[in-house]
Amino acid sequence: MQFTVMVDAVTDIDENITGEVKIYPNPFTSNSTVAYTLIRESNVQLVVYDALGKMITSLVNDKQQAGNQLVNFDGTSHLAGLYYFRLLIIIMERL
């Protein structure tokens, strides 16, 4: 069984994330890791969709501190195929 992942990284301000969003290994057979770095504390959503656009699971929906982030995707209970990861980062403004 093999999975292939595509990622769509969306930010409201480009400076919230540094470098690339990395998914490894890709393709994978059971588990994959999503790695990204946040410039500042942000609300983060990381959602997995199947090839038809149906939401499979939400991996992150929480506030995360600035720094390197690693999120594991366990694909053992899903069918082989193409999956899309959508990363949404919303910065926390301090007034």
C-alpha atoms as a PDB file:
ATOM      1  CA  MET A   1       0.000   0.000   0.000  1.00  0.00           C
ATOM      2  CA  GLN A   2       1.385   3.417  -0.918  1.00  0.00           C
ATOM      3  CA  PHE A   3       0.252   6.979  -0.220  1.00  0.00           C
ATOM      4  CA  THR A   4       1.279  10.114  -2.088  1.00  0.00           C
ATOM      5  CA  VAL A   5       0.850  13.496  -0.406  1.00  0.00           C
ATOM      6  CA  MET A   6       0.475  16.997  -1.799  1.00  0.00           C
ATOM      7  CA  VAL A   7       0.533  20.043   0.470  1.00  0.00           C
ATOM      8  CA  ASP A   8      -1.205  23.422   0.251  1.00  0.00           C
ATOM      9  CA  ALA A   9       0.343  25.883   2.720  1.00  0.00           C
ATOM     10  CA  VAL A  10      -1.812  28.970   3.261  1.00  0.00           C
ATOM     11  CA  THR A  11      -0.905  31.909   5.487  1.00  0.00           C
ATOM     12  CA  ASP A  12      -2.612  35.217   6.097  1.00  0.00           C
ATOM     13  CA  ILE A  13       0.806  36.915   6.260  1.00  0.00           C
ATOM     14  CA  ASP A  14       3.677  35.251   4.390  1.00  0.00           C
ATOM     15  CA  GLU A  15       6.174  35.951   7.183  1.00  0.00           C
ATOM     16  CA  ASN A  16       4.453  33.537   9.617  1.00  0.00           C
ATOM     17  CA  ILE A  17       6.175  30.453   8.281  1.00  0.00           C
ATOM     18  CA  THR A  18       9.795  29.938   7.312  1.00  0.00           C
ATOM     19  CA  GLY A  19      11.209  27.690   4.665  1.00  0.00           C
ATOM     20  CA  GLU A  20       9.195  24.863   3.254  1.00  0.00           C
ATOM     21  CA  VAL A  21       6.538  22.604   4.556  1.00  0.00           C
ATOM     22  CA  LYS A  22       8.170  19.189   4.370  1.00  0.00           C
ATOM     23  CA  ILE A  23       6.382  15.850   4.323  1.00  0.00           C
ATOM     24  CA  TYR A  24       8.530  12.776   4.658  1.00  0.00           C
ATOM     25  CA  PRO A  25       8.697  10.136   3.538  1.00  0.00           C
ATOM     26  CA  ASN A  26       6.597  10.889   0.476  1.00  0.00           C
ATOM     27  CA  PRO A  27       5.265   8.594  -0.847  1.00  0.00           C
ATOM     28  CA  PHE A  28       4.824   6.554   2.321  1.00  0.00           C
ATOM     29  CA  THR A  29       3.329   3.211   3.284  1.00  0.00           C
ATOM     30  CA  SER A  30       1.915   3.753   6.776  1.00  0.00           C
ATOM     31  CA  ASN A  31       3.165   6.915   8.527  1.00  0.00           C
ATOM     32  CA  SER A  32       4.390  10.300   7.391  1.00  0.00           C
ATOM     33  CA  THR A  33       5.678  13.393   9.204  1.00  0.00           C
ATOM     34  CA  VAL A  34       4.775  16.999   8.389  1.00  0.00           C
ATOM     35  CA  ALA A  35       7.508  19.484   9.394  1.00  0.00           C
ATOM     36  CA  TYR A  36       7.264  23.295   9.386  1.00  0.00           C
ATOM     37  CA  THR A  37       8.633  26.249  11.344  1.00  0.00           C
ATOM     38  CA  LEU A  38       6.530  29.072  12.771  1.00  0.00           C
ATOM     39  CA  ILE A  39       8.033  32.568  13.144  1.00  0.00           C
ATOM     40  CA  ARG A  40       5.669  33.458  15.998  1.00  0.00           C
ATOM     41  CA  GLU A  41       2.884  31.968  18.089  1.00  0.00           C
ATOM     42  CA  SER A  42       0.015  31.159  15.727  1.00  0.00           C
ATOM     43  CA  ASN A  43      -3.287  29.367  15.467  1.00  0.00           C
ATOM     44  CA  VAL A  44      -2.639  26.394  13.197  1.00  0.00           C
ATOM     45  CA  GLN A  45      -4.923  24.042  11.304  1.00  0.00           C
ATOM     46  CA  LEU A  46      -3.501  21.021   9.488  1.00  0.00           C
ATOM     47  CA  VAL A  47      -6.144  18.971   7.682  1.00  0.00           C
ATOM     48  CA  VAL A  48      -5.848  15.886   5.456  1.00  0.00           C
ATOM     49  CA  TYR A  49      -8.142  15.445   2.420  1.00  0.00           C
ATOM     50  CA  ASP A  50      -8.519  12.528   0.022  1.00  0.00           C
ATOM     51  CA  ALA A  51      -8.197  12.868  -3.762  1.00  0.00           C
ATOM     52  CA  LEU A  52     -11.906  13.745  -4.033  1.00  0.00           C
ATOM     53  CA  GLY A  53     -11.600  16.627  -1.551  1.00  0.00           C
ATOM     54  CA  LYS A  54     -13.277  14.835   1.349  1.00  0.00           C
ATOM     55  CA  MET A  55     -11.788  15.706   4.742  1.00  0.00           C
ATOM     56  CA  ILE A  56     -10.134  12.605   6.213  1.00  0.00           C
ATOM     57  CA  THR A  57      -8.813  13.972   9.503  1.00  0.00           C
ATOM     58  CA  SER A  58      -7.707  17.109  11.292  1.00  0.00           C
ATOM     59  CA  LEU A  59      -4.159  16.659  12.595  1.00  0.00           C
ATOM     60  CA  VAL A  60      -3.829  20.095  14.240  1.00  0.00           C
ATOM     61  CA  ASN A  61      -6.407  22.672  15.284  1.00  0.00           C
ATOM     62  CA  ASP A  62      -4.699  24.559  18.078  1.00  0.00           C
ATOM     63  CA  LYS A  63      -2.403  27.392  19.093  1.00  0.00           C
ATOM     64  CA  GLN A  64       1.282  26.524  18.578  1.00  0.00           C
ATOM     65  CA  GLN A  65       4.365  28.294  19.875  1.00  0.00           C
ATOM     66  CA  ALA A  66       7.016  29.740  17.556  1.00  0.00           C
ATOM     67  CA  GLY A  67       9.624  27.243  16.401  1.00  0.00           C
ATOM     68  CA  ASN A  68       9.929  23.904  14.653  1.00  0.00           C
ATOM     69  CA  GLN A  69       6.805  21.762  14.469  1.00  0.00           C
ATOM     70  CA  LEU A  70       6.503  18.043  13.688  1.00  0.00           C
ATOM     71  CA  VAL A  71       3.137  16.357  13.163  1.00  0.00           C
ATOM     72  CA  ASN A  72       2.677  12.631  12.490  1.00  0.00           C
ATOM     73  CA  PHE A  73       0.049  11.259  10.089  1.00  0.00           C
ATOM     74  CA  ASP A  74      -0.850   7.615  10.687  1.00  0.00           C
ATOM     75  CA  GLY A  75      -2.218   6.311   7.396  1.00  0.00           C
ATOM     76  CA  THR A  76      -2.608   2.686   8.470  1.00  0.00           C
ATOM     77  CA  SER A  77      -6.412   2.942   8.681  1.00  0.00           C
ATOM     78  CA  HIS A  78      -6.790   4.661   5.288  1.00  0.00           C
ATOM     79  CA  LEU A  79      -6.816   3.297   1.755  1.00  0.00           C
ATOM     80  CA  ALA A  80      -3.779   3.708  -0.478  1.00  0.00           C
ATOM     81  CA  GLY A  81      -3.979   6.732  -2.744  1.00  0.00           C
ATOM     82  CA  LEU A  82      -3.356  10.444  -3.101  1.00  0.00           C
ATOM     83  CA  TYR A  83      -3.868  12.701  -0.075  1.00  0.00           C
ATOM     84  CA  TYR A  84      -3.707  16.478   0.267  1.00  0.00           C
ATOM     85  CA  PHE A  85      -2.521  18.261   3.404  1.00  0.00           C
ATOM     86  CA  ARG A  86      -3.781  21.821   3.988  1.00  0.00           C
ATOM     87  CA  LEU A  87      -1.825  23.941   6.447  1.00  0.00           C
ATOM     88  CA  LEU A  88      -3.514  27.179   7.591  1.00  0.00           C
ATOM     89  CA  ILE A  89      -1.596  29.550   9.865  1.00  0.00           C
ATOM     90  CA  ILE A  90      -3.234  32.539  11.536  1.00  0.00           C
ATOM     91  CA  ILE A  91      -0.989  34.752  13.648  1.00  0.00           C
ATOM     92  CA  MET A  92      -2.027  35.895  17.096  1.00  0.00           C
ATOM     93  CA  GLU A  93      -1.956  39.700  17.240  1.00  0.00           C
ATOM     94  CA  ARG A  94      -1.246  41.215  20.638  1.00  0.00           C
ATOM     95  CA  LEU A  95      -2.998  44.513  21.300  1.00  0.00           C
END
